[in-house]
Amino acid sequence: MILSWLNNLPLRVKLVLPTWLLMTSGVVLLGFAIENIAEDKMEKSLIGRTEILTNAAAVNLTAALAFDDQRTALEQLEALRVDPELIGAWVRTSNRTLFASVMDLPLDCRFTEASIVCSDTNYERVKKPIVLGEEILGFIEVYVSREAIERERHFLVGYLVVGTTLLSLLALMFAQMLHRLVSHPLSSLHQSMSSMLRLGVFGRAIPVKHHDELGKLTACFNDLVSNLSERDYQLKQTLNQLENKSQYIGEVLDTMEHGVMVIAPGDVVTYFNPAAEYILRRVSCSPRNLTKLLKTFEPVSRVQAISRAIDLHQPMKGIELTHSATGKVFKVSTQPMGTARHSLVQFEDVTEQREAEQRRKLAELIFDKSQDATLVMSRDLTIKTQNAACIQTFGVHHSWRTLSTDSSYKMTFSELKTLLSTGTMEWHRILFGHGGIEIPCQVVARTLTNHWGCVEGFVVTIVDLSAEMEI
């Protein structure tokens, strides 16, 4: 909200106000820093001077306290009056008894037994011990006023305020000058563009008043308008021809039985024919969103290949995808179009063709081995189909586990690899016949693959070896 409000402010405010504020703030901060540094220096000077005088007086007062000479002590304190900031000084013995004092208190200050109390005047206190050898004879306390520091500070603040005001005005003048340098050319260009919008493309050229950079820009703009006028007429003629061709092509695509979609860059569907909508509606999909549509198909590698071909504007034909929810098979092709990097996607439902082909293969395999017991199993060993010889010998079964006596047997990795690589494998097993009779059998398994080459099941041929075993 605040950022939007700032962006909508006039250029004058966005250019002048920040410049003036930054420069003024810098001057104000610099002034405060100078004032604080100056006050700190004056305070340290006052305290240092007072400490020097106090130390000198403490050395001279040693004899006065040792011999209880108050007159000498008073003379030493009177000597401290050379400091014009002195407002009071006294000497106390080690038992806190007042020995000598000098007072020059302002009107708002008064002397108490412990110290000096002032209502308005600020002061500094320096206290030093009076020592004879290792014995402390007493203490000297000196009070100096900070009035001179305050006067210097007020004087300095006044100068800083005046200087800051002058520099702030100069900063404002500089910001306005900078604004004029930037805004006047932009204002002239805006007026030229406004004239262009009012007069239109077929209007007269904008007059060039000054042969400066802006005049050169205006002349270039006039040439641009002239070229646009010519191109506009050519564009209208071309558009009329394209509309006639597009109408004819649209009518042809609408009558096609295969689904057709036109994909623009960014996987945006710009057209789909009625057949595409009808075919996809049957599997509860919409042709309007290509990304969402592709997510409903598998295998993922082929879906990604088609998506990549559309993005890279490359052809791809005869790719078969399976709808995840319904299992329907679609043959998809993509062909790049010559203009605007669009792609033409065609697809058709080939589920019935694939199912008929699979049934044909199953029938051929079963009837080719019809003299022996033959059955078809899925990958999970569920029996899908049994021929008559199998039913006659072993009865109707729904799983291989109910047919074999060794249901716990599991194929080794080498046996499985042999079966998948060669497509066939042979072994001997004891199977249950009618009435639970155990029959020694020779079992031959062959893999059943789909049109992609993937194993979908197994065709198992069972040869009864009972007669041979009896012989």
Protein backbone atom coordinates (compact mmCIF):
# COMPACT_ATOMS: atom_id res chain seq x y z
CA MET A 1 0.00 0.00 0.00
CA ILE A 2 2.73 2.48 0.99
CA LEU A 3 4.94 1.44 -1.93
CA SER A 4 2.07 1.92 -4.38
CA TRP A 5 1.38 5.36 -2.90
CA LEU A 6 5.05 6.33 -3.26
CA ASN A 7 5.15 5.13 -6.87
CA ASN A 8 2.14 7.30 -7.72
CA LEU A 9 3.71 10.50 -6.37
CA PRO A 10 4.70 13.20 -8.91
CA LEU A 11 8.24 13.14 -10.23
CA ARG A 12 8.91 16.51 -8.56
CA VAL A 13 8.19 15.04 -5.13
CA LYS A 14 10.09 11.79 -5.77
CA LEU A 15 13.17 13.66 -7.02
CA VAL A 16 13.25 16.90 -4.98
CA LEU A 17 12.11 15.63 -1.58
CA PRO A 18 14.58 12.71 -1.17
CA THR A 19 17.50 14.86 -2.37
CA TRP A 20 16.63 17.70 0.00
CA LEU A 21 15.97 15.36 2.94
CA LEU A 22 19.21 13.43 2.46
CA MET A 23 21.38 16.55 2.24
CA THR A 24 19.60 18.32 5.11
CA SER A 25 19.76 15.21 7.31
CA GLY A 26 23.47 14.90 6.62
CA VAL A 27 24.08 18.53 7.63
CA VAL A 28 21.95 18.15 10.79
CA LEU A 29 23.73 14.96 11.85
CA LEU A 30 27.11 16.58 11.20
CA GLY A 31 26.06 19.60 13.28
CA PHE A 32 24.96 17.42 16.19
CA ALA A 33 28.25 15.54 16.05
CA ILE A 34 30.27 18.78 16.09
CA GLU A 35 28.21 20.16 18.99
CA ASN A 36 28.66 16.98 21.07
CA ILE A 37 32.39 16.80 20.35
CA ALA A 38 32.89 20.50 21.25
CA GLU A 39 30.90 20.17 24.50
CA ASP A 40 32.82 17.04 25.46
CA LYS A 41 36.14 18.79 24.81
CA MET A 42 35.16 21.85 26.90
CA GLU A 43 33.93 19.63 29.75
CA LYS A 44 37.17 17.64 29.80
CA SER A 45 39.17 20.89 29.72
CA LEU A 46 37.22 22.32 32.69
CA ILE A 47 37.58 19.16 34.76
CA GLY A 48 41.26 18.80 33.89
CA ARG A 49 42.02 22.41 34.83
CA THR A 50 40.15 22.06 38.11
CA GLU A 51 41.92 18.81 38.98
CA ILE A 52 45.32 20.45 38.43
CA LEU A 53 44.42 23.39 40.74
CA THR A 54 42.96 21.02 43.33
CA ASN A 55 46.04 18.78 43.34
CA ALA A 56 48.30 21.83 43.79
CA ALA A 57 46.16 23.14 46.64
CA ALA A 58 46.10 19.72 48.33
CA VAL A 59 49.91 19.61 48.34
CA ASN A 60 50.15 23.12 49.81
CA LEU A 61 47.50 22.41 52.48
CA THR A 62 49.45 19.51 54.00
CA ALA A 63 51.41 21.72 56.41
CA ALA A 64 48.36 23.85 57.28
CA LEU A 65 46.40 20.79 58.37
CA ALA A 66 49.38 19.27 60.14
CA PHE A 67 49.89 22.39 62.29
CA ASP A 68 46.20 23.39 62.42
CA ASP A 69 46.91 26.66 60.59
CA GLN A 70 43.50 27.81 59.28
CA ARG A 71 44.83 31.15 58.04
CA THR A 72 47.29 29.47 55.70
CA ALA A 73 44.57 27.09 54.55
CA LEU A 74 42.28 30.04 53.78
CA GLU A 75 45.05 31.75 51.78
CA GLN A 76 45.50 28.58 49.71
CA LEU A 77 41.77 28.44 49.03
CA GLU A 78 41.73 32.17 48.10
CA ALA A 79 44.42 31.37 45.54
CA LEU A 80 41.92 29.12 43.74
CA ARG A 81 39.85 32.20 42.82
CA VAL A 82 42.13 32.61 39.80
CA ASP A 83 39.72 30.19 38.14
CA PRO A 84 36.73 32.34 37.08
CA GLU A 85 34.42 29.30 37.15
CA LEU A 86 35.02 28.64 40.88
CA ILE A 87 31.82 28.85 42.95
CA GLY A 88 33.04 27.20 46.14
CA ALA A 89 35.86 25.31 47.83
CA TRP A 90 36.46 23.97 51.32
CA VAL A 91 38.77 21.82 53.37
CA ARG A 92 37.56 19.19 55.85
CA THR A 93 39.62 17.27 58.31
CA SER A 94 39.67 13.49 58.40
CA ASN A 95 36.81 13.53 60.92
CA ARG A 96 34.59 15.55 58.51
CA THR A 97 35.02 18.85 60.40
CA LEU A 98 35.01 22.01 58.24
CA PHE A 99 38.53 23.50 58.47
CA ALA A 100 38.38 26.40 55.90
CA SER A 101 36.12 27.44 53.05
CA VAL A 102 35.77 29.97 50.20
CA MET A 103 32.30 30.62 48.69
CA ASP A 104 31.23 32.61 45.62
CA LEU A 105 27.82 31.01 45.14
CA PRO A 106 25.34 32.07 42.42
CA LEU A 107 21.89 33.27 43.54
CA ASP A 108 20.22 29.90 42.94
CA CYS A 109 22.80 27.95 44.99
CA ARG A 110 23.12 27.38 48.74
CA PHE A 111 25.67 25.71 50.99
CA THR A 112 24.80 22.67 53.09
CA GLU A 113 26.86 20.65 55.48
CA ALA A 114 27.59 17.99 52.88
CA SER A 115 27.77 19.88 49.56
CA ILE A 116 26.43 22.75 47.43
CA VAL A 117 22.85 22.53 46.10
CA CYS A 118 21.75 24.57 43.03
CA SER A 119 18.33 24.78 41.40
CA ASP A 120 19.42 25.90 37.89
CA THR A 121 23.19 26.14 37.78
CA ASN A 122 25.08 23.04 36.66
CA TYR A 123 28.47 22.41 38.22
CA GLU A 124 31.31 19.93 38.48
CA ARG A 125 32.85 18.69 41.76
CA VAL A 126 36.46 17.62 42.26
CA LYS A 127 37.49 15.99 45.57
CA LYS A 128 41.08 15.17 46.51
CA PRO A 129 42.65 13.78 49.75
CA ILE A 130 45.30 15.74 51.65
CA VAL A 131 48.01 13.21 52.53
CA LEU A 132 51.06 13.39 54.76
CA GLY A 133 53.12 10.28 54.10
CA GLU A 134 50.57 7.47 54.32
CA GLU A 135 48.25 9.36 56.67
CA ILE A 136 45.16 11.14 55.28
CA LEU A 137 44.88 14.53 57.06
CA GLY A 138 41.69 15.63 55.32
CA PHE A 139 39.98 16.38 52.02
CA ILE A 140 39.66 19.35 49.71
CA GLU A 141 36.52 19.79 47.60
CA VAL A 142 36.32 22.28 44.73
CA TYR A 143 33.09 23.21 42.88
CA VAL A 144 33.25 24.90 39.44
CA SER A 145 30.30 26.16 37.37
CA ARG A 146 29.42 24.83 33.90
CA GLU A 147 27.88 28.16 32.92
CA ALA A 148 30.70 29.01 30.52
CA ILE A 149 30.29 25.63 28.80
CA GLU A 150 26.54 26.20 28.47
CA ARG A 151 27.12 29.67 26.98
CA GLU A 152 29.59 28.25 24.46
CA ARG A 153 27.21 25.42 23.60
CA HIS A 154 24.26 27.79 23.04
CA PHE A 155 26.49 30.01 20.91
CA LEU A 156 27.66 27.01 18.86
CA VAL A 157 24.09 25.68 18.48
CA GLY A 158 22.99 29.06 17.17
CA TYR A 159 25.71 29.03 14.53
CA LEU A 160 24.83 25.45 13.61
CA VAL A 161 21.13 26.27 13.24
CA VAL A 162 21.87 29.22 10.97
CA GLY A 163 24.38 27.20 8.96
CA THR A 164 22.01 24.22 8.68
CA THR A 165 19.20 26.48 7.49
CA LEU A 166 21.37 28.04 4.80
CA LEU A 167 22.71 24.69 3.63
CA SER A 168 19.16 23.27 3.63
CA LEU A 169 18.01 26.11 1.36
CA LEU A 170 20.98 25.49 -0.92
CA ALA A 171 20.12 21.77 -0.98
CA LEU A 172 16.53 22.61 -1.91
CA MET A 173 17.72 24.87 -4.74
CA PHE A 174 20.06 22.15 -5.96
CA ALA A 175 17.26 19.54 -5.89
CA GLN A 176 14.94 21.83 -7.86
CA MET A 177 17.64 22.52 -10.43
CA LEU A 178 18.22 18.77 -10.77
CA HIS A 179 14.48 18.25 -11.20
CA ARG A 180 14.33 20.84 -13.98
CA LEU A 181 17.22 19.19 -15.81
CA VAL A 182 15.38 15.86 -15.79
CA SER A 183 11.71 16.85 -16.03
CA HIS A 184 11.79 19.44 -18.83
CA PRO A 185 12.97 17.01 -21.56
CA LEU A 186 10.50 14.41 -20.30
CA SER A 187 7.69 16.95 -20.32
CA SER A 188 8.48 17.91 -23.91
CA LEU A 189 8.50 14.27 -24.95
CA HIS A 190 5.18 13.69 -23.17
CA GLN A 191 3.57 16.56 -25.03
CA SER A 192 4.83 15.12 -28.33
CA MET A 193 3.39 11.69 -27.52
CA SER A 194 0.08 13.25 -26.48
CA SER A 195 -0.10 15.02 -29.82
CA MET A 196 0.57 11.71 -31.53
CA LEU A 197 -2.29 10.07 -29.65
CA ARG A 198 -4.70 12.88 -30.46
CA LEU A 199 -3.82 13.12 -34.17
CA GLY A 200 -3.49 9.38 -34.77
CA VAL A 201 -1.17 7.50 -37.07
CA PHE A 202 -2.51 9.28 -40.16
CA GLY A 203 -2.18 12.75 -38.63
CA ARG A 204 0.33 15.37 -39.62
CA ALA A 205 3.90 15.25 -38.42
CA ILE A 206 4.89 16.93 -35.17
CA PRO A 207 6.72 20.21 -35.86
CA VAL A 208 10.39 20.34 -34.89
CA LYS A 209 10.90 23.60 -32.96
CA HIS A 210 14.48 23.13 -31.75
CA HIS A 211 17.27 21.29 -33.50
CA ASP A 212 18.70 19.79 -30.34
CA GLU A 213 18.57 16.25 -28.98
CA LEU A 214 14.82 16.56 -28.49
CA GLY A 215 14.40 17.93 -32.01
CA LYS A 216 16.32 14.97 -33.41
CA LEU A 217 14.13 12.64 -31.40
CA THR A 218 10.98 14.35 -32.74
CA ALA A 219 12.20 14.08 -36.33
CA CYS A 220 12.91 10.39 -35.79
CA PHE A 221 9.45 10.00 -34.32
CA ASN A 222 7.89 11.62 -37.39
CA ASP A 223 9.73 9.15 -39.64
CA LEU A 224 8.43 6.35 -37.46
CA VAL A 225 4.85 7.60 -37.87
CA SER A 226 5.25 7.72 -41.63
CA ASN A 227 6.56 4.16 -41.74
CA LEU A 228 3.76 2.99 -39.46
CA SER A 229 1.20 4.45 -41.84
CA GLU A 230 2.58 2.43 -44.72
CA ARG A 231 2.95 -0.73 -42.66
CA ASP A 232 -0.58 -0.40 -41.33
CA TYR A 233 -2.04 -0.59 -44.82
CA GLN A 234 0.13 -3.62 -45.70
CA LEU A 235 -0.81 -5.30 -42.43
CA LYS A 236 -4.53 -4.92 -43.10
CA GLN A 237 -4.16 -6.53 -46.51
CA THR A 238 -2.16 -9.44 -45.06
CA LEU A 239 -4.65 -9.92 -42.23
CA ASN A 240 -7.53 -10.16 -44.69
CA GLN A 241 -5.71 -12.91 -46.58
CA LEU A 242 -4.84 -14.77 -43.37
CA GLU A 243 -8.43 -14.57 -42.14
CA ASN A 244 -9.66 -16.20 -45.33
CA LYS A 245 -7.06 -18.98 -45.06
CA SER A 246 -7.71 -19.46 -41.34
CA GLN A 247 -11.41 -19.81 -41.92
CA TYR A 248 -10.82 -22.52 -44.53
CA ILE A 249 -8.32 -24.41 -42.36
CA GLY A 250 -10.65 -24.20 -39.36
CA GLU A 251 -13.48 -25.75 -41.32
CA VAL A 252 -11.20 -28.62 -42.41
CA LEU A 253 -9.94 -29.27 -38.86
CA ASP A 254 -13.46 -29.24 -37.44
CA THR A 255 -14.48 -32.11 -39.76
CA MET A 256 -11.52 -34.39 -38.84
CA GLU A 257 -12.20 -37.55 -36.83
CA HIS A 258 -8.87 -37.37 -34.99
CA GLY A 259 -8.36 -34.95 -32.15
CA VAL A 260 -6.34 -31.87 -33.10
CA MET A 261 -4.90 -29.20 -30.77
CA VAL A 262 -2.75 -26.15 -31.55
CA ILE A 263 -0.22 -25.34 -28.80
CA ALA A 264 1.37 -21.90 -28.50
CA PRO A 265 4.68 -21.22 -26.68
CA GLY A 266 4.26 -21.68 -22.94
CA ASP A 267 1.94 -24.73 -23.40
CA VAL A 268 -1.05 -22.50 -24.13
CA VAL A 269 -3.85 -24.23 -26.06
CA THR A 270 -5.06 -21.80 -28.74
CA TYR A 271 -7.33 -24.21 -30.68
CA PHE A 272 -8.88 -27.66 -30.41
CA ASN A 273 -11.39 -29.26 -32.77
CA PRO A 274 -14.69 -30.87 -31.69
CA ALA A 275 -13.21 -34.37 -32.04
CA ALA A 276 -10.52 -33.55 -29.50
CA GLU A 277 -13.06 -32.30 -27.00
CA TYR A 278 -15.30 -35.35 -27.52
CA ILE A 279 -12.44 -37.89 -27.17
CA LEU A 280 -11.02 -36.27 -24.04
CA ARG A 281 -14.42 -35.75 -22.41
CA ARG A 282 -14.90 -39.54 -22.53
CA VAL A 283 -11.94 -39.90 -20.13
CA SER A 284 -13.00 -36.90 -18.00
CA CYS A 285 -10.25 -34.59 -19.34
CA SER A 286 -10.33 -31.09 -20.75
CA PRO A 287 -8.34 -29.99 -23.83
CA ARG A 288 -7.97 -26.43 -22.49
CA ASN A 289 -5.04 -27.10 -20.11
CA LEU A 290 -2.18 -29.04 -21.71
CA THR A 291 -0.05 -29.33 -18.55
CA LYS A 292 -2.92 -30.77 -16.50
CA LEU A 293 -3.91 -33.03 -19.39
CA LEU A 294 -0.46 -34.62 -19.77
CA LYS A 295 -0.31 -35.43 -16.04
CA THR A 296 -3.18 -37.92 -16.50
CA PHE A 297 -1.16 -40.12 -18.90
CA GLU A 298 1.71 -42.57 -18.51
CA PRO A 299 4.48 -43.66 -18.89
CA VAL A 300 6.11 -40.51 -17.56
CA SER A 301 9.15 -40.77 -19.85
CA ARG A 302 6.99 -40.61 -22.99
CA VAL A 303 4.89 -37.78 -21.57
CA GLN A 304 8.07 -35.83 -20.86
CA ALA A 305 9.35 -36.57 -24.37
CA ILE A 306 6.16 -35.14 -25.93
CA SER A 307 6.26 -32.08 -23.68
CA ARG A 308 9.91 -31.51 -24.57
CA ALA A 309 9.18 -31.87 -28.30
CA ILE A 310 6.43 -29.24 -28.03
CA ASP A 311 8.71 -26.85 -26.12
CA LEU A 312 11.64 -27.36 -28.54
CA HIS A 313 9.37 -27.17 -31.60
CA GLN A 314 10.36 -30.65 -32.84
CA PRO A 315 8.31 -33.35 -34.61
CA MET A 316 7.38 -36.63 -32.91
CA LYS A 317 5.07 -39.29 -34.30
CA GLY A 318 3.33 -42.46 -33.15
CA ILE A 319 3.86 -42.10 -29.40
CA GLU A 320 1.37 -44.24 -27.46
CA LEU A 321 0.21 -43.10 -24.03
CA THR A 322 -2.07 -44.82 -21.53
CA HIS A 323 -4.64 -42.93 -19.51
CA SER A 324 -3.90 -43.64 -15.84
CA ALA A 325 -7.51 -43.77 -14.63
CA THR A 326 -9.27 -45.61 -17.48
CA GLY A 327 -6.41 -47.55 -19.12
CA LYS A 328 -7.34 -46.26 -22.59
CA VAL A 329 -4.49 -46.06 -25.11
CA PHE A 330 -3.96 -42.97 -27.26
CA LYS A 331 -1.56 -42.52 -30.18
CA VAL A 332 -0.13 -39.00 -30.06
CA SER A 333 1.86 -37.08 -32.67
CA THR A 334 3.22 -33.53 -32.61
CA GLN A 335 4.24 -31.48 -35.62
CA PRO A 336 5.83 -28.00 -35.48
CA MET A 337 4.01 -25.28 -37.38
CA GLY A 338 5.90 -22.78 -39.49
CA THR A 339 4.70 -19.57 -37.84
CA ALA A 340 4.91 -18.21 -34.29
CA ARG A 341 6.56 -21.45 -33.03
CA HIS A 342 3.18 -23.15 -32.59
CA SER A 343 2.86 -26.95 -32.52
CA LEU A 344 0.07 -29.12 -33.95
CA VAL A 345 -0.81 -32.08 -31.69
CA GLN A 346 -2.89 -34.97 -33.13
CA PHE A 347 -4.19 -37.92 -31.15
CA GLU A 348 -6.60 -40.83 -31.57
CA ASP A 349 -8.04 -43.51 -29.29
CA VAL A 350 -6.44 -46.87 -30.27
CA THR A 351 -7.63 -48.82 -27.21
CA GLU A 352 -9.90 -51.14 -29.20
CA GLN A 353 -7.16 -51.84 -31.77
CA ARG A 354 -4.68 -52.80 -29.05
CA GLU A 355 -7.21 -54.99 -27.22
CA ALA A 356 -8.11 -56.77 -30.48
CA GLU A 357 -4.45 -57.34 -31.22
CA GLN A 358 -3.85 -58.72 -27.75
CA ARG A 359 -6.85 -61.06 -28.00
CA ARG A 360 -5.61 -62.28 -31.37
CA LYS A 361 -2.19 -63.07 -29.99
CA LEU A 362 -3.69 -64.89 -27.02
CA ALA A 363 -5.96 -66.94 -29.25
CA GLU A 364 -3.08 -67.92 -31.52
CA LEU A 365 -0.92 -69.00 -28.59
CA ILE A 366 -3.72 -71.02 -26.99
CA PHE A 367 -4.86 -72.82 -30.10
CA ASP A 368 -1.34 -73.49 -31.31
CA LYS A 369 -0.88 -75.65 -28.21
CA SER A 370 -4.37 -76.98 -27.96
CA GLN A 371 -3.30 -80.70 -27.72
CA ASP A 372 -1.69 -80.05 -24.36
CA ALA A 373 -3.08 -78.34 -21.29
CA THR A 374 -2.52 -74.61 -21.81
CA LEU A 375 -3.36 -71.66 -19.61
CA VAL A 376 -2.65 -67.93 -19.53
CA MET A 377 -1.54 -66.22 -16.31
CA SER A 378 -1.04 -62.60 -15.37
CA ARG A 379 2.08 -61.33 -13.64
CA ASP A 380 0.58 -62.03 -10.18
CA LEU A 381 0.00 -65.73 -11.19
CA THR A 382 -3.76 -65.27 -11.56
CA ILE A 383 -5.10 -67.65 -14.24
CA LYS A 384 -6.94 -65.71 -16.92
CA THR A 385 -7.74 -68.42 -19.50
CA GLN A 386 -7.57 -72.25 -19.69
CA ASN A 387 -8.07 -74.38 -22.80
CA ALA A 388 -10.24 -77.46 -22.90
CA ALA A 389 -7.35 -79.93 -22.38
CA CYS A 390 -6.29 -78.06 -19.25
CA ILE A 391 -9.80 -78.01 -17.80
CA GLN A 392 -10.29 -81.68 -18.63
CA THR A 393 -7.07 -82.72 -16.90
CA PHE A 394 -6.82 -80.33 -13.97
CA GLY A 395 -10.21 -78.73 -13.69
CA VAL A 396 -10.98 -75.03 -13.38
CA HIS A 397 -8.44 -73.02 -11.35
CA HIS A 398 -8.13 -69.33 -10.68
CA SER A 399 -4.51 -69.22 -9.43
CA TRP A 400 -1.35 -71.18 -10.08
CA ARG A 401 -0.95 -71.66 -6.33
CA THR A 402 -4.04 -73.92 -6.22
CA LEU A 403 -2.72 -75.98 -9.12
CA SER A 404 0.87 -76.61 -8.01
CA THR A 405 1.72 -78.79 -5.00
CA ASP A 406 4.83 -76.72 -4.32
CA SER A 407 3.20 -73.31 -3.84
CA SER A 408 6.09 -72.07 -1.71
CA TYR A 409 8.57 -72.49 -4.55
CA LYS A 410 10.07 -69.23 -5.78
CA MET A 411 12.17 -68.77 -8.89
CA THR A 412 15.79 -67.78 -8.45
CA PHE A 413 17.12 -64.59 -9.99
CA SER A 414 19.00 -66.50 -12.69
CA GLU A 415 15.86 -68.46 -13.63
CA LEU A 416 13.81 -65.27 -13.78
CA LYS A 417 16.50 -63.59 -15.86
CA THR A 418 16.54 -66.56 -18.25
CA LEU A 419 12.76 -66.46 -18.59
CA LEU A 420 12.65 -62.72 -19.28
CA SER A 421 15.62 -62.71 -21.67
CA THR A 422 14.84 -65.82 -23.71
CA GLY A 423 11.05 -65.66 -23.34
CA THR A 424 10.71 -69.35 -22.42
CA MET A 425 11.60 -71.73 -19.60
CA GLU A 426 10.98 -75.42 -18.86
CA TRP A 427 10.83 -77.32 -15.56
CA HIS A 428 9.08 -80.32 -13.90
CA ARG A 429 6.42 -80.07 -11.20
CA ILE A 430 3.80 -82.20 -9.43
CA LEU A 431 0.35 -80.74 -10.16
CA PHE A 432 -3.09 -81.57 -8.80
CA GLY A 433 -5.49 -83.25 -11.23
CA HIS A 434 -9.21 -84.09 -10.80
CA GLY A 435 -9.97 -85.49 -7.38
CA GLY A 436 -6.70 -84.22 -5.94
CA ILE A 437 -4.57 -86.73 -7.88
CA GLU A 438 -0.92 -85.72 -8.08
CA ILE A 439 0.29 -85.76 -11.68
CA PRO A 440 3.98 -85.40 -12.65
CA CYS A 441 4.15 -82.82 -15.38
CA GLN A 442 6.55 -81.00 -17.61
CA VAL A 443 5.84 -77.26 -17.46
CA VAL A 444 6.88 -74.90 -20.26
CA ALA A 445 6.36 -71.14 -19.65
CA ARG A 446 6.52 -68.46 -22.29
CA THR A 447 6.33 -64.72 -21.69
CA LEU A 448 3.42 -62.70 -23.07
CA THR A 449 4.47 -59.18 -24.08
CA ASN A 450 2.47 -56.17 -25.21
CA HIS A 451 3.21 -53.93 -28.18
CA TRP A 452 5.70 -51.97 -26.04
CA GLY A 453 7.75 -55.11 -25.34
CA CYS A 454 6.81 -55.26 -21.66
CA VAL A 455 5.89 -58.60 -20.05
CA GLU A 456 2.18 -58.63 -19.17
CA GLY A 457 1.70 -62.33 -18.42
CA PHE A 458 2.72 -65.89 -19.15
CA VAL A 459 1.45 -68.71 -21.39
CA VAL A 460 2.02 -72.04 -19.60
CA THR A 461 1.91 -75.41 -21.41
CA ILE A 462 1.59 -78.52 -19.19
CA VAL A 463 2.55 -82.00 -20.50
CA ASP A 464 1.33 -85.03 -18.50
CA LEU A 465 4.30 -87.37 -17.80
CA SER A 466 2.27 -90.08 -16.01
CA ALA A 467 2.51 -92.56 -18.89
CA GLU A 468 6.22 -92.09 -19.27
CA MET A 469 6.76 -92.49 -15.54
CA GLU A 470 4.82 -95.81 -15.58
CA ILE A 471 6.95 -97.11 -18.46
